[in-house]
C-alpha atoms as a PDB file:
ATOM      1  CA  MET A   1       3.942   7.839   1.777  1.00  0.00           C
ATOM      2  CA  GLN A   2       0.653   6.548   0.248  1.00  0.00           C
ATOM      3  CA  ARG A   3       1.871   3.229  -0.088  1.00  0.00           C
ATOM      4  CA  VAL A   4       2.742   2.788   3.292  1.00  0.00           C
ATOM      5  CA  LEU A   5      -0.510   4.076   4.474  1.00  0.00           C
ATOM      6  CA  GLY A   6      -2.508   1.545   2.334  1.00  0.00           C
ATOM      7  CA  TYR A   7      -0.110  -1.323   4.303  1.00  0.00           C
ATOM      8  CA  MET A   8      -0.890  -0.188   7.685  1.00  0.00           C
ATOM      9  CA  ARG A   9      -4.623  -0.098   6.983  1.00  0.00           C
ATOM     10  CA  LYS A  10      -4.959  -3.342   5.457  1.00  0.00           C
ATOM     11  CA  ALA A  11      -2.986  -4.445   8.724  1.00  0.00           C
ATOM     12  CA  ILE A  12      -5.277  -2.347  10.911  1.00  0.00           C
ATOM     13  CA  GLN A  13      -8.307  -3.675   9.789  1.00  0.00           C
ATOM     14  CA  GLU A  14      -7.595  -7.583   8.816  1.00  0.00           C
ATOM     15  CA  PHE A  15      -5.630  -7.900  12.198  1.00  0.00           C
ATOM     16  CA  ASP A  16      -8.267  -5.902  14.293  1.00  0.00           C
ATOM     17  CA  LEU A  17      -5.114  -3.627  15.602  1.00  0.00           C
ATOM     18  CA  ILE A  18      -6.763  -0.438  16.507  1.00  0.00           C
ATOM     19  CA  GLN A  19     -10.394   0.209  18.114  1.00  0.00           C
ATOM     20  CA  ASP A  20     -12.440   3.658  19.212  1.00  0.00           C
ATOM     21  CA  GLY A  21     -10.521   4.937  22.557  1.00  0.00           C
ATOM     22  CA  ASP A  22      -7.573   3.608  22.204  1.00  0.00           C
ATOM     23  CA  ARG A  23      -4.350   5.662  23.468  1.00  0.00           C
ATOM     24  CA  ILE A  24      -1.307   4.121  21.371  1.00  0.00           C
ATOM     25  CA  ALA A  25       2.150   4.711  22.836  1.00  0.00           C
ATOM     26  CA  VAL A  26       4.162   4.806  19.629  1.00  0.00           C
ATOM     27  CA  GLY A  27       8.197   3.189  20.282  1.00  0.00           C
ATOM     28  CA  VAL A  28      10.125   5.874  18.116  1.00  0.00           C
ATOM     29  CA  SER A  29      13.957   4.731  18.234  1.00  0.00           C
ATOM     30  CA  GLY A  30      14.511   7.566  15.665  1.00  0.00           C
ATOM     31  CA  GLY A  31      15.259   5.069  12.920  1.00  0.00           C
ATOM     32  CA  LYS A  32      13.137   5.231   9.594  1.00  0.00           C
ATOM     33  CA  ASP A  33      10.876   2.480  10.602  1.00  0.00           C
ATOM     34  CA  SER A  34       9.494   4.003  13.622  1.00  0.00           C
ATOM     35  CA  VAL A  35       9.116   7.529  12.223  1.00  0.00           C
ATOM     36  CA  ALA A  36       7.306   6.227   9.408  1.00  0.00           C
ATOM     37  CA  LEU A  37       4.833   4.423  11.501  1.00  0.00           C
ATOM     38  CA  LEU A  38       4.436   7.472  14.332  1.00  0.00           C
ATOM     39  CA  ALA A  39       3.916   9.753  10.734  1.00  0.00           C
ATOM     40  CA  GLY A  40       1.957   6.743   9.277  1.00  0.00           C
ATOM     41  CA  LEU A  41      -0.590   6.676  12.546  1.00  0.00           C
ATOM     42  CA  ALA A  42      -0.896  10.465  12.827  1.00  0.00           C
ATOM     43  CA  ARG A  43      -2.298  10.729   9.025  1.00  0.00           C
ATOM     44  CA  LEU A  44      -4.359   7.608   9.412  1.00  0.00           C
ATOM     45  CA  ARG A  45      -6.198   9.004  12.156  1.00  0.00           C
ATOM     46  CA  ARG A  46      -7.749  11.784   9.758  1.00  0.00           C
ATOM     47  CA  PHE A  47      -9.621   9.267   7.641  1.00  0.00           C
ATOM     48  CA  ILE A  48      -9.564   5.649   8.674  1.00  0.00           C
ATOM     49  CA  GLY A  49     -12.769   6.287  10.804  1.00  0.00           C
ATOM     50  CA  ILE A  50     -11.077   5.027  14.046  1.00  0.00           C
ATOM     51  CA  ASP A  51     -10.787   7.433  16.904  1.00  0.00           C
ATOM     52  CA  TYR A  52      -7.881   6.778  18.544  1.00  0.00           C
ATOM     53  CA  SER A  53      -4.588   9.446  20.435  1.00  0.00           C
ATOM     54  CA  LEU A  54      -1.087   8.980  20.360  1.00  0.00           C
ATOM     55  CA  THR A  55       1.708   9.653  22.509  1.00  0.00           C
ATOM     56  CA  ALA A  56       5.327   8.820  20.917  1.00  0.00           C
ATOM     57  CA  ILE A  57       7.867   7.388  23.461  1.00  0.00           C
ATOM     58  CA  THR A  58      11.846   7.190  23.039  1.00  0.00           C
ATOM     59  CA  LEU A  59      13.795   5.285  25.319  1.00  0.00           C
ATOM     60  CA  ASP A  60      17.296   6.716  25.137  1.00  0.00           C
ATOM     61  CA  PRO A  61      20.083   4.114  25.678  1.00  0.00           C
ATOM     62  CA  GLN A  62      22.574   6.581  26.391  1.00  0.00           C
ATOM     63  CA  PHE A  63      25.402   4.536  25.071  1.00  0.00           C
ATOM     64  CA  HIS A  64      28.518   4.866  26.371  1.00  0.00           C
ATOM     65  CA  GLY A  65      26.833   7.293  28.884  1.00  0.00           C
ATOM     66  CA  VAL A  66      25.931   9.838  26.180  1.00  0.00           C
ATOM     67  CA  PRO A  67      22.767  10.941  25.995  1.00  0.00           C
ATOM     68  CA  GLY A  68      21.447  11.177  22.378  1.00  0.00           C
ATOM     69  CA  ASP A  69      19.730  14.145  20.167  1.00  0.00           C
ATOM     70  CA  TYR A  70      16.120  13.512  19.527  1.00  0.00           C
ATOM     71  CA  SER A  71      15.692  17.061  18.935  1.00  0.00           C
ATOM     72  CA  ALA A  72      14.190  16.130  15.201  1.00  0.00           C
ATOM     73  CA  ILE A  73      11.798  14.262  16.664  1.00  0.00           C
ATOM     74  CA  GLU A  74      10.454  16.528  19.247  1.00  0.00           C
ATOM     75  CA  LYS A  75      10.193  19.025  16.483  1.00  0.00           C
ATOM     76  CA  MET A  76       8.522  16.619  14.014  1.00  0.00           C
ATOM     77  CA  CYS A  77       5.914  15.621  17.015  1.00  0.00           C
ATOM     78  CA  ALA A  78       5.386  19.008  18.091  1.00  0.00           C
ATOM     79  CA  GLU A  79       4.629  19.844  14.483  1.00  0.00           C
ATOM     80  CA  LEU A  80       2.378  16.642  14.401  1.00  0.00           C
ATOM     81  CA  GLU A  81       0.525  17.962  17.859  1.00  0.00           C
ATOM     82  CA  ILE A  82       1.500  14.381  19.396  1.00  0.00           C
ATOM     83  CA  PRO A  83       2.742  14.344  22.793  1.00  0.00           C
ATOM     84  CA  TYR A  84       6.591  13.220  23.153  1.00  0.00           C
ATOM     85  CA  VAL A  85       8.401  11.395  25.962  1.00  0.00           C
ATOM     86  CA  VAL A  86      12.203  10.822  26.120  1.00  0.00           C
ATOM     87  CA  LYS A  87      12.945   8.278  28.946  1.00  0.00           C
ATOM     88  CA  LYS A  88      17.033   8.129  29.364  1.00  0.00           C
ATOM     89  CA  THR A  89      18.297   4.907  30.467  1.00  0.00           C
ATOM     90  CA  GLN A  90      20.845   2.900  31.314  1.00  0.00           C
ATOM     91  CA  ILE A  91      20.723  -0.026  28.868  1.00  0.00           C
ATOM     92  CA  GLY A  92      23.424   1.076  26.703  1.00  0.00           C
ATOM     93  CA  GLU A  93      25.754   1.239  29.939  1.00  0.00           C
ATOM     94  CA  ILE A  94      24.669  -1.917  31.488  1.00  0.00           C
ATOM     95  CA  VAL A  95      24.698  -4.379  28.224  1.00  0.00           C
ATOM     96  CA  PHE A  96      28.118  -2.828  26.458  1.00  0.00           C
ATOM     97  CA  ASP A  97      29.855  -1.540  29.355  1.00  0.00           C
ATOM     98  CA  ALA A  98      28.996  -3.305  32.661  1.00  0.00           C
ATOM     99  CA  ARG A  99      27.906  -6.943  31.240  1.00  0.00           C
ATOM    100  CA  GLN A 100      30.240  -6.432  28.246  1.00  0.00           C
ATOM    101  CA  GLU A 101      27.922  -9.034  26.227  1.00  0.00           C
ATOM    102  CA  THR A 102      29.252 -10.666  23.332  1.00  0.00           C
ATOM    103  CA  ASN A 103      25.830 -11.047  22.040  1.00  0.00           C
ATOM    104  CA  PRO A 104      23.978  -8.369  23.184  1.00  0.00           C
ATOM    105  CA  CYS A 105      20.715  -7.947  20.920  1.00  0.00           C
ATOM    106  CA  SER A 106      18.817 -10.427  23.049  1.00  0.00           C
ATOM    107  CA  LEU A 107      19.808  -8.611  26.703  1.00  0.00           C
ATOM    108  CA  CYS A 108      19.011  -5.254  25.204  1.00  0.00           C
ATOM    109  CA  ALA A 109      15.621  -5.975  23.698  1.00  0.00           C
ATOM    110  CA  ARG A 110      14.537  -7.524  27.017  1.00  0.00           C
ATOM    111  CA  MET A 111      15.547  -4.090  28.512  1.00  0.00           C
ATOM    112  CA  ARG A 112      14.002  -1.531  26.129  1.00  0.00           C
ATOM    113  CA  ARG A 113      10.857  -3.885  26.449  1.00  0.00           C
ATOM    114  CA  GLY A 114      10.407  -3.822  29.634  1.00  0.00           C
ATOM    115  CA  ALA A 115      11.108   0.066  29.943  1.00  0.00           C
ATOM    116  CA  LEU A 116       8.563   0.973  27.013  1.00  0.00           C
ATOM    117  CA  HIS A 117       5.952  -0.761  28.664  1.00  0.00           C
ATOM    118  CA  ASP A 118       6.664   1.060  32.258  1.00  0.00           C
ATOM    119  CA  ALA A 119       6.735   4.134  30.101  1.00  0.00           C
ATOM    120  CA  ALA A 120       3.326   3.427  28.087  1.00  0.00           C
ATOM    121  CA  LYS A 121       1.529   2.539  31.486  1.00  0.00           C
ATOM    122  CA  GLU A 122       3.128   5.910  33.389  1.00  0.00           C
ATOM    123  CA  ALA A 123       1.426   7.731  29.700  1.00  0.00           C
ATOM    124  CA  GLY A 124      -1.877   6.209  30.309  1.00  0.00           C
ATOM    125  CA  CYS A 125      -1.849   3.991  27.023  1.00  0.00           C
ATOM    126  CA  ASN A 126      -3.317   0.676  26.555  1.00  0.00           C
ATOM    127  CA  LYS A 127      -1.593  -0.242  23.332  1.00  0.00           C
ATOM    128  CA  ILE A 128       1.655  -0.010  21.975  1.00  0.00           C
ATOM    129  CA  ALA A 129       2.683  -0.065  18.583  1.00  0.00           C
ATOM    130  CA  LEU A 130       5.604  -1.241  17.275  1.00  0.00           C
ATOM    131  CA  GLY A 131       7.869  -0.780  14.180  1.00  0.00           C
ATOM    132  CA  HIS A 132       8.520  -4.034  12.633  1.00  0.00           C
ATOM    133  CA  HIS A 133       7.766  -4.678   8.727  1.00  0.00           C
ATOM    134  CA  TYR A 134       7.445  -7.230   6.293  1.00  0.00           C
ATOM    135  CA  ASN A 135      11.227  -8.203   5.890  1.00  0.00           C
ATOM    136  CA  ASP A 136      11.422  -8.188  10.018  1.00  0.00           C
ATOM    137  CA  VAL A 137       8.815 -10.701   9.880  1.00  0.00           C
ATOM    138  CA  ILE A 138      10.345 -13.136   7.475  1.00  0.00           C
ATOM    139  CA  GLU A 139      13.874 -12.229   9.098  1.00  0.00           C
ATOM    140  CA  THR A 140      12.518 -13.206  12.463  1.00  0.00           C
ATOM    141  CA  PHE A 141      10.696 -16.493  11.426  1.00  0.00           C
ATOM    142  CA  MET A 142      13.682 -17.514   9.733  1.00  0.00           C
ATOM    143  CA  MET A 143      16.104 -16.660  12.542  1.00  0.00           C
ATOM    144  CA  ASN A 144      13.679 -18.815  15.160  1.00  0.00           C
ATOM    145  CA  LEU A 145      14.034 -21.408  12.789  1.00  0.00           C
ATOM    146  CA  PHE A 146      17.840 -21.570  11.891  1.00  0.00           C
ATOM    147  CA  ASN A 147      19.149 -20.652  15.466  1.00  0.00           C
ATOM    148  CA  GLU A 148      16.710 -22.082  17.455  1.00  0.00           C
ATOM    149  CA  GLY A 149      14.769 -25.139  15.891  1.00  0.00           C
ATOM    150  CA  ARG A 150      11.389 -23.611  15.785  1.00  0.00           C
ATOM    151  CA  LEU A 151       8.527 -22.671  13.853  1.00  0.00           C
ATOM    152  CA  GLY A 152       7.200 -18.888  15.154  1.00  0.00           C
ATOM    153  CA  CYS A 153       7.844 -15.537  15.140  1.00  0.00           C
ATOM    154  CA  PHE A 154       6.338 -12.182  17.116  1.00  0.00           C
ATOM    155  CA  SER A 155       2.410 -11.494  16.215  1.00  0.00           C
ATOM    156  CA  PRO A 156       0.797  -8.757  14.727  1.00  0.00           C
ATOM    157  CA  LYS A 157      -1.096  -8.520  17.900  1.00  0.00           C
ATOM    158  CA  SER A 158      -0.405  -9.832  21.399  1.00  0.00           C
ATOM    159  CA  TYR A 159      -1.553  -8.949  24.540  1.00  0.00           C
ATOM    160  CA  LEU A 160       0.774  -9.090  27.508  1.00  0.00           C
ATOM    161  CA  SER A 161      -1.907  -9.846  30.716  1.00  0.00           C
ATOM    162  CA  ARG A 162       0.741  -8.507  33.486  1.00  0.00           C
ATOM    163  CA  LYS A 163       0.996  -5.172  32.538  1.00  0.00           C
ATOM    164  CA  ASP A 164      -2.586  -4.776  30.667  1.00  0.00           C
ATOM    165  CA  LEU A 165      -0.847  -3.917  27.217  1.00  0.00           C
ATOM    166  CA  TRP A 166      -1.578  -4.745  23.605  1.00  0.00           C
ATOM    167  CA  MET A 167       1.322  -4.905  21.269  1.00  0.00           C
ATOM    168  CA  ILE A 168       0.448  -4.235  17.762  1.00  0.00           C
ATOM    169  CA  ARG A 169       2.827  -3.678  14.540  1.00  0.00           C
ATOM    170  CA  PRO A 170       0.502  -2.015  11.999  1.00  0.00           C
ATOM    171  CA  LEU A 171       3.556  -1.847   9.433  1.00  0.00           C
ATOM    172  CA  VAL A 172       3.677  -5.988   9.102  1.00  0.00           C
ATOM    173  CA  PHE A 173       2.883  -5.866   5.364  1.00  0.00           C
ATOM    174  CA  ALA A 174       4.906  -3.008   4.485  1.00  0.00           C
ATOM    175  CA  PRO A 175       8.337  -4.129   2.914  1.00  0.00           C
ATOM    176  CA  GLU A 176      11.101  -2.109   4.187  1.00  0.00           C
ATOM    177  CA  LYS A 177      12.267  -0.651   0.970  1.00  0.00           C
ATOM    178  CA  GLU A 178       8.542   1.198   0.699  1.00  0.00           C
ATOM    179  CA  ILE A 179       9.116   2.456   3.831  1.00  0.00           C
ATOM    180  CA  ARG A 180      12.673   3.569   3.270  1.00  0.00           C
ATOM    181  CA  ARG A 181      11.422   5.435  -0.231  1.00  0.00           C
ATOM    182  CA  ALA A 182       8.327   6.832   2.141  1.00  0.00           C
ATOM    183  CA  VAL A 183      10.838   8.581   4.514  1.00  0.00           C
ATOM    184  CA  GLU A 184      13.267   9.745   1.849  1.00  0.00           C
ATOM    185  CA  ARG A 185      10.695  11.112   0.092  1.00  0.00           C
ATOM    186  CA  THR A 186       8.869  12.991   2.426  1.00  0.00           C
ATOM    187  CA  GLY A 187      12.098  14.332   4.899  1.00  0.00           C
ATOM    188  CA  LEU A 188      10.685  12.404   7.806  1.00  0.00           C
ATOM    189  CA  PRO A 189      13.769  12.914  10.114  1.00  0.00           C
ATOM    190  CA  VAL A 190      16.077   9.653  11.288  1.00  0.00           C
ATOM    191  CA  VAL A 191      18.441   9.836  13.661  1.00  0.00           C
ATOM    192  CA  LYS A 192      21.585   7.539  13.271  1.00  0.00           C
ATOM    193  CA  SER A 193      22.038   4.748  15.529  1.00  0.00           C
ATOM    194  CA  LYS A 194      24.714   5.059  18.059  1.00  0.00           C
ATOM    195  CA  CYS A 195      24.622   1.538  18.935  1.00  0.00           C
ATOM    196  CA  PRO A 196      28.230  -0.462  18.947  1.00  0.00           C
ATOM    197  CA  ALA A 197      26.528  -3.426  17.220  1.00  0.00           C
ATOM    198  CA  ASP A 198      24.677  -1.687  14.714  1.00  0.00           C
ATOM    199  CA  GLY A 199      25.447  -3.532  11.724  1.00  0.00           C
ATOM    200  CA  HIS A 200      26.621  -6.400  13.265  1.00  0.00           C
ATOM    201  CA  THR A 201      24.439  -8.431  14.615  1.00  0.00           C
ATOM    202  CA  GLN A 202      22.917 -11.947  13.642  1.00  0.00           C
ATOM    203  CA  ARG A 203      19.564 -10.330  11.922  1.00  0.00           C
ATOM    204  CA  GLN A 204      22.312  -8.290   9.622  1.00  0.00           C
ATOM    205  CA  VAL A 205      23.714 -11.838   8.576  1.00  0.00           C
ATOM    206  CA  MET A 206      19.865 -13.166   8.136  1.00  0.00           C
ATOM    207  CA  LYS A 207      19.148 -10.073   5.980  1.00  0.00           C
ATOM    208  CA  GLU A 208      22.280 -10.773   3.726  1.00  0.00           C
ATOM    209  CA  PHE A 209      20.966 -14.766   3.704  1.00  0.00           C
ATOM    210  CA  LEU A 210      17.749 -13.913   2.609  1.00  0.00           C
ATOM    211  CA  ALA A 211      19.094 -11.150  -0.012  1.00  0.00           C
ATOM    212  CA  GLN A 212      21.123 -13.636  -1.361  1.00  0.00           C
ATOM    213  CA  LYS A 213      18.224 -16.472  -2.030  1.00  0.00           C
ATOM    214  CA  GLU A 214      16.423 -13.855  -3.390  1.00  0.00           C
ATOM    215  CA  ARG A 215      18.771 -13.364  -5.818  1.00  0.00           C
ATOM    216  CA  GLU A 216      19.050 -16.862  -6.833  1.00  0.00           C
ATOM    217  CA  SER A 217      15.131 -17.363  -6.409  1.00  0.00           C
ATOM    218  CA  SER A 218      13.185 -14.487  -7.039  1.00  0.00           C
ATOM    219  CA  GLY A 219      10.036 -14.458  -4.480  1.00  0.00           C
ATOM    220  CA  PHE A 220      11.927 -16.834  -2.291  1.00  0.00           C
ATOM    221  CA  GLN A 221      11.010 -14.105   1.094  1.00  0.00           C
ATOM    222  CA  TYR A 222       7.256 -13.892  -0.312  1.00  0.00           C
ATOM    223  CA  ARG A 223       6.831 -17.216  -0.180  1.00  0.00           C
ATOM    224  CA  VAL A 224       8.185 -17.560   3.376  1.00  0.00           C
ATOM    225  CA  PHE A 225       5.990 -15.067   4.192  1.00  0.00           C
ATOM    226  CA  GLY A 226       2.968 -17.065   2.727  1.00  0.00           C
ATOM    227  CA  ALA A 227       3.834 -20.347   4.546  1.00  0.00           C
ATOM    228  CA  LEU A 228       3.683 -18.590   7.586  1.00  0.00           C
ATOM    229  CA  ARG A 229       0.447 -17.052   7.242  1.00  0.00           C
ATOM    230  CA  ARG A 230      -1.034 -20.097   5.672  1.00  0.00           C
ATOM    231  CA  SER A 231       0.240 -21.863   9.062  1.00  0.00           C
ATOM    232  CA  GLY A 232      -2.035 -19.868  11.404  1.00  0.00           C
ATOM    233  CA  LEU A 233       1.375 -19.565  13.538  1.00  0.00           C
ATOM    234  CA  ASP A 234       0.932 -16.359  16.301  1.00  0.00           C
ATOM    235  CA  GLY A 235      -1.948 -15.494  15.350  1.00  0.00           C
ATOM    236  CA  TRP A 236      -0.990 -14.792  11.522  1.00  0.00           C
ATOM    237  CA  GLY A 237      -3.591 -16.679   9.721  1.00  0.00           C
ATOM    238  CA  PHE A 238      -6.114 -15.350   7.515  1.00  0.00           C
ATOM    239  CA  PRO A 239      -9.298 -13.677   8.544  1.00  0.00           C
ATOM    240  CA  ASP A 240     -11.046 -15.981   5.891  1.00  0.00           C
ATOM    241  CA  ARG A 241      -9.100 -18.545   4.805  1.00  0.00           C
ATOM    242  CA  THR A 242     -10.933 -19.059   1.615  1.00  0.00           C
ATOM    243  CA  GLU A 243      -9.185 -15.641   0.527  1.00  0.00           C
ATOM    244  CA  PRO A 244      -5.933 -16.439  -1.157  1.00  0.00           C
ATOM    245  CA  MET A 245      -2.859 -14.561  -0.367  1.00  0.00           C
ATOM    246  CA  LYS A 246      -2.403 -11.529  -1.917  1.00  0.00           C
ATOM    247  CA  GLU A 247       1.070  -9.903  -2.745  1.00  0.00           C
ATOM    248  CA  VAL A 248       2.111  -6.738  -1.319  1.00  0.00           C
ATOM    249  CA  PHE A 249       4.890  -5.684  -3.321  1.00  0.00           C
END
């Protein structure tokens, strides 16, 4: 977990993600990335020198009307002494049953974002921490290029003016393999996804494409990440442009 904490600390400091007094809602789906994010932020509070509070929030999509079991996450939050909120939604029913979307990810993501924003405001938070990691950055950048013909990616930090909320992504320097290893070694609880589209998404296609390119040309993904940072798009520029990018592997 120490390596993941190092990546998180670097992102927090480089992009100025957290300040004293922040009340941070952590979006916890139950997947490895979100539980690592929650555990990491809880541990960083002890030594990073920033005074902030955490609230964990899970949006239960209730796929096919069946509530999810988040008891393991509830236990984890109790051990960490972090308030935990589970918001039951009809997102799964709307996306897969009522609308029967052939490409459900976009609608589902929009609905989840809106519900998470509302839940964070209800909890009195001013920031939302999301579990996007290093590989998510590269995949999103390439999906926008290939599928939409544009250069862009989500930002490490962004402000939602209509809700007066900041979105922060402390895991953007952490490779997925490091997160997976940390979760396995520390025994963090993971809730298996029950999404009907799991493993059959455009993101999965891009993940496999990038893995193939990496096999063909070692360092391919690192170079894509470097191109995004050097471009300065969407808040990804270097604080000091004279400082070269350090490899995060």
